Amino acid sequence: MNDLLELWQRHKGAGWPTFSDPNQGELMTLDTVISGCVTYYLDSAEGLDPQRVVMVEDCLADLNGLLPDLTDEAAAYFERVRALACLLLAASSRR
């Protein structure tokens, strides 16, 4: 969980990347949903419920499909979002 918490702190301090992409709205939604699930996990003694686990898995699949088209700053930002989702799913499976 320390890795998740450390990466979450770094992500919260990062600004939204400057980029232009036809999928920017979808990427913003993925960031919002994954970030919300991280917050829920960190604030909840029970961790993620099955519904949220499925949401994160779906977001991760969508993000994996969009990442190859991103460049530079946006790619680094969303690689971090991807890493958060992966750490969150791993931590949830251990609870």
C-alpha atoms as a PDB file:
ATOM      1  CA  MET A   1       0.000   0.000   0.000  1.00  0.00           C
ATOM      2  CA  ASN A   2       2.972   2.336   0.502  1.00  0.00           C
ATOM      3  CA  ASP A   3       3.646   2.297  -3.247  1.00  0.00           C
ATOM      4  CA  LEU A   4       0.029   3.212  -3.941  1.00  0.00           C
ATOM      5  CA  LEU A   5       0.042   6.006  -1.366  1.00  0.00           C
ATOM      6  CA  GLU A   6       3.358   7.432  -2.599  1.00  0.00           C
ATOM      7  CA  LEU A   7       2.265   7.381  -6.236  1.00  0.00           C
ATOM      8  CA  TRP A   8      -1.104   8.884  -5.281  1.00  0.00           C
ATOM      9  CA  GLN A   9       0.625  11.771  -3.471  1.00  0.00           C
ATOM     10  CA  ARG A  10       2.792  12.403  -6.531  1.00  0.00           C
ATOM     11  CA  HIS A  11      -0.234  12.269  -8.840  1.00  0.00           C
ATOM     12  CA  LYS A  12      -2.243  14.693  -6.703  1.00  0.00           C
ATOM     13  CA  GLY A  13       0.598  17.192  -6.972  1.00  0.00           C
ATOM     14  CA  ALA A  14       0.845  16.913 -10.740  1.00  0.00           C
ATOM     15  CA  GLY A  15      -0.950  19.347 -12.970  1.00  0.00           C
ATOM     16  CA  TRP A  16      -3.143  18.319 -15.879  1.00  0.00           C
ATOM     17  CA  PRO A  17      -0.901  17.814 -18.913  1.00  0.00           C
ATOM     18  CA  THR A  18      -1.030  20.226 -21.828  1.00  0.00           C
ATOM     19  CA  PHE A  19      -2.017  18.275 -24.905  1.00  0.00           C
ATOM     20  CA  SER A  20      -4.544  18.094 -27.685  1.00  0.00           C
ATOM     21  CA  ASP A  21      -6.145  14.749 -28.407  1.00  0.00           C
ATOM     22  CA  PRO A  22      -9.547  13.711 -29.729  1.00  0.00           C
ATOM     23  CA  ASN A  23      -9.831  11.411 -26.691  1.00  0.00           C
ATOM     24  CA  GLN A  24      -9.087  14.103 -24.122  1.00  0.00           C
ATOM     25  CA  GLY A  25     -12.592  13.955 -22.639  1.00  0.00           C
ATOM     26  CA  GLU A  26     -12.435  10.179 -22.245  1.00  0.00           C
ATOM     27  CA  LEU A  27      -8.970  10.435 -20.707  1.00  0.00           C
ATOM     28  CA  MET A  28     -10.240  13.016 -18.234  1.00  0.00           C
ATOM     29  CA  THR A  29     -13.080  10.678 -17.276  1.00  0.00           C
ATOM     30  CA  LEU A  30     -10.691   7.746 -16.809  1.00  0.00           C
ATOM     31  CA  ASP A  31      -8.450   9.881 -14.593  1.00  0.00           C
ATOM     32  CA  THR A  32     -11.450  11.016 -12.544  1.00  0.00           C
ATOM     33  CA  VAL A  33     -12.870   7.519 -12.044  1.00  0.00           C
ATOM     34  CA  ILE A  34      -9.531   5.900 -11.175  1.00  0.00           C
ATOM     35  CA  SER A  35      -8.631   8.781  -8.840  1.00  0.00           C
ATOM     36  CA  GLY A  36     -12.010   8.503  -7.146  1.00  0.00           C
ATOM     37  CA  CYS A  37     -11.501   4.793  -6.588  1.00  0.00           C
ATOM     38  CA  VAL A  38      -8.024   5.396  -5.142  1.00  0.00           C
ATOM     39  CA  THR A  39      -9.483   7.951  -2.731  1.00  0.00           C
ATOM     40  CA  TYR A  40     -12.283   5.567  -1.768  1.00  0.00           C
ATOM     41  CA  TYR A  41      -9.791   2.730  -1.190  1.00  0.00           C
ATOM     42  CA  LEU A  42      -7.498   4.860   0.969  1.00  0.00           C
ATOM     43  CA  ASP A  43     -10.404   6.227   3.026  1.00  0.00           C
ATOM     44  CA  SER A  44     -12.211   2.903   3.487  1.00  0.00           C
ATOM     45  CA  ALA A  45     -11.304   0.135   5.902  1.00  0.00           C
ATOM     46  CA  GLU A  46     -13.061  -2.374   3.635  1.00  0.00           C
ATOM     47  CA  GLY A  47     -11.257  -1.423   0.424  1.00  0.00           C
ATOM     48  CA  LEU A  48     -12.959  -1.531  -2.948  1.00  0.00           C
ATOM     49  CA  ASP A  49     -16.258  -3.302  -3.355  1.00  0.00           C
ATOM     50  CA  PRO A  50     -16.679  -5.664  -6.342  1.00  0.00           C
ATOM     51  CA  GLN A  51     -18.470  -2.976  -8.368  1.00  0.00           C
ATOM     52  CA  ARG A  52     -15.541  -0.563  -8.042  1.00  0.00           C
ATOM     53  CA  VAL A  53     -13.037  -3.300  -8.856  1.00  0.00           C
ATOM     54  CA  VAL A  54     -14.876  -3.894 -12.142  1.00  0.00           C
ATOM     55  CA  MET A  55     -14.927  -0.141 -12.801  1.00  0.00           C
ATOM     56  CA  VAL A  56     -11.157   0.107 -12.341  1.00  0.00           C
ATOM     57  CA  GLU A  57     -10.586  -2.965 -14.527  1.00  0.00           C
ATOM     58  CA  ASP A  58     -12.739  -1.440 -17.279  1.00  0.00           C
ATOM     59  CA  CYS A  59     -10.966   1.911 -16.989  1.00  0.00           C
ATOM     60  CA  LEU A  60      -7.595   0.187 -17.161  1.00  0.00           C
ATOM     61  CA  ALA A  61      -8.604  -1.657 -20.332  1.00  0.00           C
ATOM     62  CA  ASP A  62      -9.773   1.603 -21.922  1.00  0.00           C
ATOM     63  CA  LEU A  63      -6.621   3.420 -20.836  1.00  0.00           C
ATOM     64  CA  ASN A  64      -4.405   0.674 -22.247  1.00  0.00           C
ATOM     65  CA  GLY A  65      -6.076   1.216 -25.612  1.00  0.00           C
ATOM     66  CA  LEU A  66      -5.509   4.981 -25.552  1.00  0.00           C
ATOM     67  CA  LEU A  67      -1.946   5.145 -24.192  1.00  0.00           C
ATOM     68  CA  PRO A  68      -0.113   4.222 -27.417  1.00  0.00           C
ATOM     69  CA  ASP A  69      -1.439   7.367 -29.129  1.00  0.00           C
ATOM     70  CA  LEU A  70      -0.278   9.787 -26.424  1.00  0.00           C
ATOM     71  CA  THR A  71       2.978  11.700 -26.516  1.00  0.00           C
ATOM     72  CA  ASP A  72       5.402  13.200 -24.013  1.00  0.00           C
ATOM     73  CA  GLU A  73       3.769  14.945 -21.050  1.00  0.00           C
ATOM     74  CA  ALA A  74       0.370  13.334 -21.585  1.00  0.00           C
ATOM     75  CA  ALA A  75       1.912   9.878 -21.914  1.00  0.00           C
ATOM     76  CA  ALA A  76       3.836  10.277 -18.649  1.00  0.00           C
ATOM     77  CA  TYR A  77       0.729  11.539 -16.843  1.00  0.00           C
ATOM     78  CA  PHE A  78      -1.485   8.695 -18.023  1.00  0.00           C
ATOM     79  CA  GLU A  79       1.206   6.066 -17.465  1.00  0.00           C
ATOM     80  CA  ARG A  80       1.035   7.196 -13.837  1.00  0.00           C
ATOM     81  CA  VAL A  81      -2.770   6.868 -13.884  1.00  0.00           C
ATOM     82  CA  ARG A  82      -2.305   3.374 -15.325  1.00  0.00           C
ATOM     83  CA  ALA A  83       0.191   2.499 -12.585  1.00  0.00           C
ATOM     84  CA  LEU A  84      -2.269   3.755  -9.955  1.00  0.00           C
ATOM     85  CA  ALA A  85      -4.984   1.507 -11.370  1.00  0.00           C
ATOM     86  CA  CYS A  86      -2.655  -1.508 -11.397  1.00  0.00           C
ATOM     87  CA  LEU A  87      -1.475  -0.895  -7.822  1.00  0.00           C
ATOM     88  CA  LEU A  88      -5.059  -0.359  -6.705  1.00  0.00           C
ATOM     89  CA  LEU A  89      -6.217  -3.649  -8.209  1.00  0.00           C
ATOM     90  CA  ALA A  90      -3.256  -5.490  -6.686  1.00  0.00           C
ATOM     91  CA  ALA A  91      -3.899  -3.960  -3.258  1.00  0.00           C
ATOM     92  CA  SER A  92      -7.613  -4.744  -3.498  1.00  0.00           C
ATOM     93  CA  SER A  93      -6.955  -8.399  -4.220  1.00  0.00           C
ATOM     94  CA  ARG A  94      -4.872  -8.650  -1.026  1.00  0.00           C
ATOM     95  CA  ARG A  95      -7.585  -7.292   1.290  1.00  0.00           C
END
